[in-house]
């Protein structure tokens, strides 16, 4: 006999199943929010055009914070001032890492709502003794910083940024190549007619780090123009120019931080102006979103909210300005000392362990030009929203911070309730590549951490690509996280 039908077999009684899929955000936004996307991205383009180095990004963010009423935490500590709910404070580390916080209603030991991003980007650094002459050309010897494809940095216009501490202890800032009237610098390459042997090499072999030397000048000083014992006369011209304009001697290079970056501003990308092309979007696109989010977040928070933008992520987060330092822990200790009954080590440990963090770092998008390295169902796609990465790392998740299912559920709820367009993503196929963020350095305290950032094409290239709606959704996600109950 046929089996008796039950209510479960009735199609009308079955629950509707809704498939989850990545969709273009452009088609979902109202006219009002589309205007917000354009306004926000216009501000962002100005920021990314000016914030060419970690020092510049720090300084711009600090000015925004001061204009919004954030006070110096160290100065408040010196004055013995107490922090009250709603108070806004900042703390800087060597002009390269910046912490912003707004004090919440709950005790500090209940933890912080934290967003962290980095503001250093791949670049070329001048060596400590960088200036030399070869034939009649004056050159700058460089050492690349972070993970770059060396061939991408050849023959493009470069700008020189940095700070020089002179013999007398005074400092001078250099910015050469950004103004339309400035000269630019470059690294030369071999012409195709003589490049047969070069073309046979792998990309790694054809372009060496030692060969990334920047062309500074080619006009020697006339031999009868003084300094007759100075053999390298093109180098002499450069030294005279630096002396006349900046008061810099050659020895001053020993106490300098000089960075070569792509010259020129960020631009709208595409005939439809739907994207942004610019240098340093890894990770200043997320850093700007985090700063704007804490400046724009409404009301006095329940939990203390904080944003930190840091240095040295691209080389492992080492050093005093990296997240592997004690800066975060020391800063929370300073907060503890000015809240409640004063500093308590157990309060600091509890605060860090009970914090919840978005590690705001970019992710790689699926690129149809390179499908062989992509995992299409598990990579972000252009224009489909901010990318959440449960884990990063390489191969068997090596070097990863793996977020808990519970925290992932909370983040999903916050984003969905706030109308944030989001997608899940990994960094390419398993065993093909991988990468890391600052997440693991904060997760070691026991706090919940998940990676959440804007997706890019051409990551780590001199010019990186991002969708305007993804950029905006990154900001909207961070603001929603700060405002969540």
Protein backbone atom coordinates (compact mmCIF):
# COMPACT_ATOMS: atom_id res chain seq x y z
CA UNK A 1 0.00 0.00 0.00
CA UNK A 2 1.31 3.56 -0.70
CA UNK A 3 2.60 5.45 2.29
CA UNK A 4 0.08 7.67 3.95
CA UNK A 5 0.61 11.37 3.23
CA UNK A 6 1.38 13.65 6.14
CA UNK A 7 1.34 17.41 6.62
CA UNK A 8 5.07 17.45 5.91
CA UNK A 9 4.40 16.20 2.39
CA UNK A 10 1.99 19.05 1.63
CA UNK A 11 3.86 21.71 -0.45
CA UNK A 12 1.76 24.42 1.18
CA UNK A 13 3.10 23.46 4.62
CA UNK A 14 6.77 23.64 3.67
CA UNK A 15 8.85 26.60 4.77
CA UNK A 16 10.24 28.83 2.05
CA UNK A 17 13.98 28.43 1.52
CA UNK A 18 15.81 31.62 0.56
CA UNK A 19 19.19 31.11 -1.16
CA UNK A 20 21.99 33.46 -0.12
CA UNK A 21 23.91 35.04 -2.96
CA UNK A 22 26.27 37.88 -3.79
CA UNK A 23 24.46 40.67 -5.59
CA UNK A 24 25.44 44.09 -6.89
CA UNK A 25 24.76 46.75 -4.28
CA UNK A 26 24.19 49.46 -6.88
CA UNK A 27 20.73 48.13 -7.72
CA UNK A 28 19.60 48.04 -4.08
CA UNK A 29 20.33 51.58 -2.96
CA UNK A 30 17.86 54.44 -2.85
CA UNK A 31 18.61 57.73 -4.58
CA UNK A 32 19.37 59.26 -1.19
CA UNK A 33 21.90 56.60 -0.27
CA UNK A 34 23.50 56.70 -3.71
CA UNK A 35 24.14 60.39 -3.04
CA UNK A 36 25.72 59.46 0.31
CA UNK A 37 28.00 57.00 -1.52
CA UNK A 38 29.22 59.73 -3.87
CA UNK A 39 29.71 62.29 -1.10
CA UNK A 40 31.60 59.87 1.11
CA UNK A 41 33.83 58.69 -1.72
CA UNK A 42 34.62 62.27 -2.73
CA UNK A 43 35.92 62.84 0.81
CA UNK A 44 37.78 59.55 0.68
CA UNK A 45 39.48 60.38 -2.63
CA UNK A 46 40.78 63.61 -1.12
CA UNK A 47 42.08 61.70 1.90
CA UNK A 48 43.80 58.95 -0.06
CA UNK A 49 45.38 61.53 -2.38
CA UNK A 50 46.92 63.40 0.56
CA UNK A 51 47.69 60.49 2.92
CA UNK A 52 50.56 59.03 0.87
CA UNK A 53 52.55 57.82 3.91
CA UNK A 54 51.73 56.52 7.37
CA UNK A 55 52.87 59.81 8.90
CA UNK A 56 50.57 61.82 6.64
CA UNK A 57 47.62 59.48 7.25
CA UNK A 58 48.20 59.76 11.01
CA UNK A 59 48.37 63.56 10.88
CA UNK A 60 45.22 63.95 8.79
CA UNK A 61 43.28 61.57 11.05
CA UNK A 62 44.56 63.37 14.14
CA UNK A 63 43.40 66.74 12.79
CA UNK A 64 39.95 65.31 12.06
CA UNK A 65 39.80 63.95 15.61
CA UNK A 66 40.88 67.22 17.21
CA UNK A 67 38.34 69.14 15.14
CA UNK A 68 35.69 66.72 16.44
CA UNK A 69 36.59 67.41 20.07
CA UNK A 70 38.95 64.54 20.88
CA UNK A 71 41.41 65.43 23.68
CA UNK A 72 44.95 64.18 24.29
CA UNK A 73 44.75 61.23 26.71
CA UNK A 74 48.32 61.73 27.91
CA UNK A 75 47.66 65.41 28.65
CA UNK A 76 44.52 64.50 30.60
CA UNK A 77 46.53 61.95 32.58
CA UNK A 78 49.20 64.53 33.41
CA UNK A 79 46.48 66.94 34.59
CA UNK A 80 44.82 64.23 36.67
CA UNK A 81 41.49 64.56 34.84
CA UNK A 82 38.89 61.79 35.08
CA UNK A 83 37.13 60.32 32.05
CA UNK A 84 33.33 60.38 31.98
CA UNK A 85 30.86 58.69 29.62
CA UNK A 86 30.89 60.51 26.31
CA UNK A 87 34.44 61.89 26.71
CA UNK A 88 36.46 61.62 23.48
CA UNK A 89 40.21 61.01 23.68
CA UNK A 90 43.15 60.22 21.44
CA UNK A 91 46.62 58.81 21.98
CA UNK A 92 49.44 58.96 19.43
CA UNK A 93 52.51 56.76 19.11
CA UNK A 94 55.54 58.34 17.39
CA UNK A 95 53.34 60.08 14.83
CA UNK A 96 52.54 56.81 13.04
CA UNK A 97 49.92 55.02 15.13
CA UNK A 98 46.78 56.62 16.52
CA UNK A 99 44.14 55.48 19.03
CA UNK A 100 40.75 57.20 19.29
CA UNK A 101 38.12 56.39 21.91
CA UNK A 102 34.79 57.59 23.20
CA UNK A 103 34.14 56.52 26.79
CA UNK A 104 31.02 54.41 27.32
CA UNK A 105 28.48 54.13 30.10
CA UNK A 106 29.59 50.66 31.18
CA UNK A 107 32.77 49.99 33.22
CA UNK A 108 35.91 49.55 31.14
CA UNK A 109 36.29 45.96 32.32
CA UNK A 110 33.21 45.06 30.25
CA UNK A 111 35.40 45.56 27.19
CA UNK A 112 35.62 47.85 24.16
CA UNK A 113 33.99 47.88 20.77
CA UNK A 114 37.19 48.15 18.73
CA UNK A 115 38.00 48.63 15.06
CA UNK A 116 41.63 48.39 13.95
CA UNK A 117 43.25 49.13 10.58
CA UNK A 118 46.76 49.85 9.33
CA UNK A 119 48.03 52.92 7.50
CA UNK A 120 51.36 51.70 6.10
CA UNK A 121 51.48 50.54 2.48
CA UNK A 122 54.03 48.87 0.18
CA UNK A 123 56.56 51.40 -1.10
CA UNK A 124 60.24 52.11 -1.69
CA UNK A 125 62.33 53.50 1.19
CA UNK A 126 65.57 55.41 0.69
CA UNK A 127 68.54 53.57 2.19
CA UNK A 128 70.45 55.24 5.07
CA UNK A 129 73.23 56.33 2.72
CA UNK A 130 71.20 56.66 -0.46
CA UNK A 131 72.73 59.29 -2.73
CA UNK A 132 75.28 58.29 -5.38
CA UNK A 133 76.32 59.06 -8.96
CA UNK A 134 76.67 56.64 -11.86
CA UNK A 135 78.01 58.16 -15.11
CA UNK A 136 76.40 61.61 -15.17
CA UNK A 137 73.23 60.51 -13.37
CA UNK A 138 72.52 61.10 -9.70
CA UNK A 139 70.65 58.17 -8.18
CA UNK A 140 68.80 57.31 -4.99
CA UNK A 141 69.44 53.82 -3.60
CA UNK A 142 66.26 52.24 -2.22
CA UNK A 143 65.05 49.28 -0.17
CA UNK A 144 61.51 48.12 -0.91
CA UNK A 145 59.03 47.89 1.97
CA UNK A 146 56.32 45.23 2.12
CA UNK A 147 55.23 42.78 -0.52
CA UNK A 148 55.57 44.27 -3.99
CA UNK A 149 55.88 43.07 -7.56
CA UNK A 150 59.06 44.92 -8.43
CA UNK A 151 58.31 45.31 -12.14
CA UNK A 152 55.21 47.37 -11.32
CA UNK A 153 57.38 50.12 -9.81
CA UNK A 154 59.54 50.62 -12.89
CA UNK A 155 59.01 53.60 -15.30
CA UNK A 156 56.10 55.13 -13.34
CA UNK A 157 56.18 58.71 -11.96
CA UNK A 158 57.28 58.69 -8.31
CA UNK A 159 56.99 61.27 -5.56
CA UNK A 160 59.35 61.65 -2.60
CA UNK A 161 57.84 62.11 0.86
CA UNK A 162 59.44 62.10 4.27
CA UNK A 163 61.03 63.81 7.19
CA UNK A 164 64.71 64.69 7.72
CA UNK A 165 66.17 65.46 11.13
CA UNK A 166 69.06 67.87 10.56
CA UNK A 167 72.35 68.05 12.42
CA UNK A 168 70.98 70.72 14.79
CA UNK A 169 67.95 68.57 15.70
CA UNK A 170 65.42 70.53 13.68
CA UNK A 171 63.22 68.68 11.22
CA UNK A 172 62.19 69.38 7.66
CA UNK A 173 59.40 67.76 5.66
CA UNK A 174 59.87 66.78 2.03
CA UNK A 175 57.06 66.51 -0.51
CA UNK A 176 58.37 66.45 -4.06
CA UNK A 177 56.30 65.26 -7.01
CA UNK A 178 52.70 65.78 -5.93
CA UNK A 179 52.10 69.38 -6.97
CA UNK A 180 51.36 69.73 -10.71
CA UNK A 181 54.35 72.08 -10.98
CA UNK A 182 56.75 69.67 -9.27
CA UNK A 183 59.24 67.44 -11.05
CA UNK A 184 58.70 63.70 -10.61
CA UNK A 185 61.19 60.86 -10.19
CA UNK A 186 61.33 57.41 -11.80
CA UNK A 187 63.14 54.07 -12.13
CA UNK A 188 64.34 53.22 -15.61
CA UNK A 189 63.90 49.95 -17.50
CA UNK A 190 65.56 48.21 -20.44
CA UNK A 191 64.15 48.87 -23.91
CA UNK A 192 62.53 45.86 -25.68
CA UNK A 193 65.15 45.96 -28.45
CA UNK A 194 67.87 45.06 -25.92
CA UNK A 195 65.68 43.04 -23.58
CA UNK A 196 65.79 39.59 -25.15
CA UNK A 197 67.72 38.04 -22.27
CA UNK A 198 65.62 39.90 -19.71
CA UNK A 199 62.43 38.54 -21.30
CA UNK A 200 63.64 34.96 -20.77
CA UNK A 201 63.85 35.43 -17.00
CA UNK A 202 61.07 35.04 -14.49
CA UNK A 203 59.58 38.26 -13.16
CA UNK A 204 61.38 37.73 -9.86
CA UNK A 205 64.73 37.33 -11.64
CA UNK A 206 64.27 40.11 -14.20
CA UNK A 207 63.77 42.81 -11.57
CA UNK A 208 65.93 42.73 -8.47
CA UNK A 209 65.52 44.78 -5.33
CA UNK A 210 69.02 46.21 -5.68
CA UNK A 211 68.16 47.52 -9.14
CA UNK A 212 65.24 49.66 -7.93
CA UNK A 213 67.32 52.83 -7.95
CA UNK A 214 65.57 56.12 -8.53
CA UNK A 215 66.79 58.63 -11.13
CA UNK A 216 67.21 62.03 -9.44
CA UNK A 217 69.19 64.24 -11.81
CA UNK A 218 71.42 64.25 -14.91
CA UNK A 219 72.88 67.76 -15.13
CA UNK A 220 76.34 68.18 -13.62
CA UNK A 221 77.60 71.35 -12.02
CA UNK A 222 80.13 73.15 -14.31
CA UNK A 223 83.72 72.28 -13.41
CA UNK A 224 84.64 75.93 -12.87
CA UNK A 225 81.77 76.44 -10.43
CA UNK A 226 83.62 75.93 -7.15
CA UNK A 227 84.04 72.64 -5.23
CA UNK A 228 86.79 71.62 -7.69
CA UNK A 229 87.68 68.54 -5.62
CA UNK A 230 84.15 67.15 -5.83
CA UNK A 231 84.30 64.47 -8.53
CA UNK A 232 80.58 63.50 -8.76
CA UNK A 233 79.27 66.79 -10.05
CA UNK A 234 75.66 65.73 -10.76
CA UNK A 235 75.43 64.48 -7.21
CA UNK A 236 76.90 67.83 -6.16
CA UNK A 237 74.05 69.62 -7.95
CA UNK A 238 71.50 67.54 -6.00
CA UNK A 239 73.26 68.28 -2.71
CA UNK A 240 73.26 71.99 -3.50
CA UNK A 241 69.56 71.92 -4.35
CA UNK A 242 68.77 70.16 -1.07
CA UNK A 243 71.01 72.56 0.86
CA UNK A 244 69.51 75.68 -0.72
CA UNK A 245 65.85 74.67 -0.38
CA UNK A 246 65.78 72.51 2.75
CA UNK A 247 69.05 73.11 4.57
CA UNK A 248 69.92 69.42 4.26
CA UNK A 249 73.48 68.06 4.29
CA UNK A 250 74.38 64.60 3.01
CA UNK A 251 75.02 63.37 6.56
CA UNK A 252 71.40 64.24 7.42
CA UNK A 253 70.22 61.24 5.41
CA UNK A 254 71.34 59.11 8.36
CA UNK A 255 68.45 60.56 10.39
CA UNK A 256 65.79 60.61 7.69
CA UNK A 257 62.72 58.64 6.70
CA UNK A 258 62.23 59.09 2.95
CA UNK A 259 59.59 57.16 1.03
CA UNK A 260 59.06 56.86 -2.73
CA UNK A 261 55.39 56.45 -3.68
CA UNK A 262 53.41 56.79 -6.91
CA UNK A 263 52.97 60.46 -7.80
CA UNK A 264 49.59 62.05 -8.32
CA UNK A 265 46.11 61.92 -6.81
CA UNK A 266 43.60 59.12 -6.63
CA UNK A 267 40.99 59.23 -9.40
CA UNK A 268 37.53 58.01 -10.20
CA UNK A 269 37.80 54.83 -12.27
CA UNK A 270 35.60 53.66 -15.11
CA UNK A 271 33.43 55.41 -17.69
CA UNK A 272 30.61 55.13 -15.15
CA UNK A 273 32.79 56.58 -12.35
CA UNK A 274 31.80 53.61 -10.18
CA UNK A 275 35.25 52.84 -8.79
CA UNK A 276 38.33 54.48 -7.26
CA UNK A 277 41.89 54.01 -8.52
CA UNK A 278 44.67 55.08 -6.20
CA UNK A 279 47.79 54.23 -4.24
CA UNK A 280 47.67 52.90 -0.69
CA UNK A 281 44.06 51.73 -0.54
CA UNK A 282 45.50 48.74 1.32
CA UNK A 283 44.69 49.61 4.01
CA UNK A 284 43.88 53.31 4.16
CA UNK A 285 40.45 52.64 2.68
CA UNK A 286 39.57 50.79 5.89
CA UNK A 287 41.52 53.17 8.14
CA UNK A 288 39.57 56.14 6.79
CA UNK A 289 36.31 54.25 7.24
CA UNK A 290 37.19 53.43 10.85
CA UNK A 291 38.12 57.04 11.65
CA UNK A 292 35.02 58.46 9.98
CA UNK A 293 32.86 55.88 11.74
CA UNK A 294 34.02 56.81 15.24
CA UNK A 295 33.71 60.52 14.42
CA UNK A 296 30.18 60.07 13.02
CA UNK A 297 28.80 57.46 15.46
CA UNK A 298 25.77 58.80 17.30
CA UNK A 299 25.19 59.15 21.02
CA UNK A 300 27.09 58.10 24.12
CA UNK A 301 28.01 54.43 23.69
CA UNK A 302 27.10 51.70 26.14
CA UNK A 303 30.55 50.14 25.79
CA UNK A 304 33.59 52.29 25.17
CA UNK A 305 34.17 52.48 21.43
CA UNK A 306 37.67 52.78 20.00
CA UNK A 307 39.46 52.93 16.66
CA UNK A 308 43.16 52.31 16.19
CA UNK A 309 45.11 52.95 12.98
CA UNK A 310 48.59 51.48 13.13
CA UNK A 311 51.91 51.17 11.35
CA UNK A 312 54.14 48.28 10.21
CA UNK A 313 51.42 45.74 9.30
CA UNK A 314 52.95 45.17 5.88
CA UNK A 315 56.17 43.86 7.45
CA UNK A 316 54.69 41.82 10.30
CA UNK A 317 53.44 44.49 12.75
CA UNK A 318 56.83 44.70 14.45
CA UNK A 319 58.38 47.72 16.18
CA UNK A 320 57.01 50.27 18.60
CA UNK A 321 54.30 51.46 16.18
CA UNK A 322 53.11 48.00 15.14
CA UNK A 323 50.29 46.04 16.76
CA UNK A 324 52.77 43.45 18.04
CA UNK A 325 53.96 46.16 20.45
CA UNK A 326 52.55 47.06 23.87
CA UNK A 327 50.85 50.20 22.56
CA UNK A 328 47.30 48.85 22.73
CA UNK A 329 47.74 47.32 26.16
CA UNK A 330 49.43 50.44 27.53
CA UNK A 331 46.69 52.67 26.14
CA UNK A 332 43.92 50.62 27.75
CA UNK A 333 45.90 50.86 30.99
CA UNK A 334 45.90 54.66 30.63
CA UNK A 335 42.12 54.57 30.17
CA UNK A 336 41.81 52.42 33.26
CA UNK A 337 43.84 54.87 35.31
CA UNK A 338 41.47 57.73 34.47
CA UNK A 339 38.20 55.81 34.88
CA UNK A 340 36.45 54.56 37.99
CA UNK A 341 38.76 54.08 40.96
CA UNK A 342 41.98 54.31 38.97
CA UNK A 343 44.37 51.82 37.42
CA UNK A 344 43.83 48.15 38.10
CA UNK A 345 45.74 45.48 36.21
CA UNK A 346 42.86 43.01 36.42
CA UNK A 347 40.54 45.63 34.92
CA UNK A 348 42.93 46.04 31.97
CA UNK A 349 43.11 42.30 31.39
CA UNK A 350 39.35 41.92 31.61
CA UNK A 351 38.80 44.89 29.31
CA UNK A 352 41.04 43.40 26.63
CA UNK A 353 39.65 39.88 26.96
CA UNK A 354 36.03 41.06 26.79
CA UNK A 355 36.51 43.41 23.85
CA UNK A 356 35.01 42.77 20.43
CA UNK A 357 36.94 43.82 17.35
CA UNK A 358 36.63 44.23 13.63
CA UNK A 359 40.07 43.86 12.09
CA UNK A 360 39.49 46.31 9.28
CA UNK A 361 41.73 45.15 6.45
CA UNK A 362 41.19 44.78 2.73
CA UNK A 363 40.57 41.51 0.96
CA UNK A 364 41.20 40.27 -2.57
CA UNK A 365 38.28 40.23 -4.98
CA UNK A 366 37.60 37.59 -7.59
CA UNK A 367 39.33 38.82 -10.76
CA UNK A 368 37.97 37.26 -13.98
CA UNK A 369 41.36 37.90 -15.59
CA UNK A 370 42.99 35.40 -13.20
CA UNK A 371 40.42 32.65 -12.50
CA UNK A 372 43.15 30.04 -11.95
CA UNK A 373 43.94 31.40 -8.45
CA UNK A 374 40.39 32.23 -7.44
CA UNK A 375 37.82 30.33 -5.43
CA UNK A 376 34.79 32.03 -6.98
CA UNK A 377 32.20 30.85 -4.46
CA UNK A 378 34.36 31.96 -1.54
CA UNK A 379 35.83 35.25 -2.70
CA UNK A 380 34.41 38.75 -2.60
CA UNK A 381 33.12 40.29 -5.80
CA UNK A 382 33.35 43.87 -6.99
CA UNK A 383 30.38 45.99 -5.92
CA UNK A 384 28.77 43.36 -3.68
CA UNK A 385 29.53 44.95 -0.32
CA UNK A 386 32.10 44.84 2.48
CA UNK A 387 33.95 41.51 2.81
CA UNK A 388 33.90 39.46 6.03
CA UNK A 389 36.70 36.90 6.40
CA UNK A 390 36.18 34.37 9.16
CA UNK A 391 39.87 33.50 8.93
CA UNK A 392 42.93 34.45 6.92
CA UNK A 393 46.33 32.73 6.97
CA UNK A 394 47.99 30.51 4.39
CA UNK A 395 47.75 26.84 3.48
CA UNK A 396 46.28 25.17 6.61
CA UNK A 397 45.19 28.56 8.03
CA UNK A 398 48.77 29.20 9.20
CA UNK A 399 49.09 32.56 10.92
CA UNK A 400 45.34 33.00 11.11
CA UNK A 401 42.90 34.32 13.66
CA UNK A 402 39.74 32.24 13.22
CA UNK A 403 36.58 33.99 14.43
CA UNK A 404 34.03 32.05 16.47
CA UNK A 405 30.63 31.13 15.03
CA UNK A 406 28.98 33.07 17.86
CA UNK A 407 30.80 36.31 17.04
CA UNK A 408 30.13 35.81 13.34
CA UNK A 409 26.45 35.55 14.21
CA UNK A 410 26.57 38.81 16.15
CA UNK A 411 28.33 40.64 13.31
CA UNK A 412 25.80 39.33 10.78
CA UNK A 413 22.94 40.54 12.95
CA UNK A 414 24.47 44.00 13.39
CA UNK A 415 25.08 44.43 9.68
CA UNK A 416 21.69 43.07 8.61
CA UNK A 417 19.82 45.26 11.09
CA UNK A 418 21.71 48.34 9.82
CA UNK A 419 21.19 47.54 6.12
CA UNK A 420 24.89 46.90 5.47
CA UNK A 421 25.61 44.98 2.27
CA UNK A 422 28.18 42.31 3.12
CA UNK A 423 29.71 39.19 1.61
CA UNK A 424 32.03 36.41 2.73
CA UNK A 425 35.52 36.03 1.31
CA UNK A 426 38.83 34.22 1.41
CA UNK A 427 42.17 35.16 -0.13
CA UNK A 428 42.16 32.85 -3.15
CA UNK A 429 42.44 29.10 -3.51
CA UNK A 430 43.74 26.90 -0.71
CA UNK A 431 47.51 26.25 -1.08
CA UNK A 432 47.84 28.98 -3.73
CA UNK A 433 48.43 31.92 -1.43
CA UNK A 434 47.23 33.57 1.73
CA UNK A 435 47.90 36.49 4.00
CA UNK A 436 47.40 37.92 7.44
CA UNK A 437 46.18 41.02 9.26
CA UNK A 438 46.54 42.53 12.72
CA UNK A 439 43.71 40.29 13.99
CA UNK A 440 45.94 37.71 15.69
CA UNK A 441 47.77 40.35 17.74
CA UNK A 442 44.52 41.42 19.39
CA UNK A 443 42.98 37.95 19.54
CA UNK A 444 45.81 36.83 21.84
CA UNK A 445 44.15 38.81 24.64
CA UNK A 446 41.10 36.57 24.31
CA UNK A 447 38.85 39.10 22.60
CA UNK A 448 36.50 38.23 19.74
CA UNK A 449 38.01 39.35 16.43
CA UNK A 450 36.95 38.98 12.82
CA UNK A 451 38.41 40.46 9.64
CA UNK A 452 36.10 42.82 7.80
CA UNK A 453 37.19 45.15 5.02
CA UNK A 454 36.83 46.51 1.51
CA UNK A 455 37.69 44.25 -1.41
CA UNK A 456 40.35 45.33 -3.91
CA UNK A 457 41.63 44.43 -7.34
CA UNK A 458 45.38 44.80 -7.99
CA UNK A 459 46.17 44.72 -4.27
CA UNK A 460 49.74 45.87 -3.41
CA UNK A 461 50.16 47.40 -6.86
CA UNK A 462 51.11 51.08 -7.20
CA UNK A 463 47.47 51.70 -8.16
CA UNK A 464 44.70 49.65 -6.53
CA UNK A 465 41.03 49.42 -7.54
CA UNK A 466 37.95 49.53 -5.30
CA UNK A 467 34.22 49.94 -5.88
CA UNK A 468 32.61 53.07 -4.49
CA UNK A 469 29.72 51.10 -2.99
CA UNK A 470 32.14 48.71 -1.28
CA UNK A 471 34.10 51.66 0.11
CA UNK A 472 30.91 53.18 1.48
CA UNK A 473 29.65 49.86 2.88
CA UNK A 474 32.92 49.48 4.77
CA UNK A 475 32.26 52.78 6.50
CA UNK A 476 28.60 51.90 7.09
CA UNK A 477 29.60 48.54 8.60
CA UNK A 478 32.07 50.13 11.01
CA UNK A 479 29.57 52.80 12.07
CA UNK A 480 26.92 50.14 12.67
CA UNK A 481 29.36 48.15 14.80
CA UNK A 482 30.11 51.21 16.94
CA UNK A 483 26.42 52.05 17.37
CA UNK A 484 25.23 48.50 18.12
CA UNK A 485 23.73 47.87 21.55
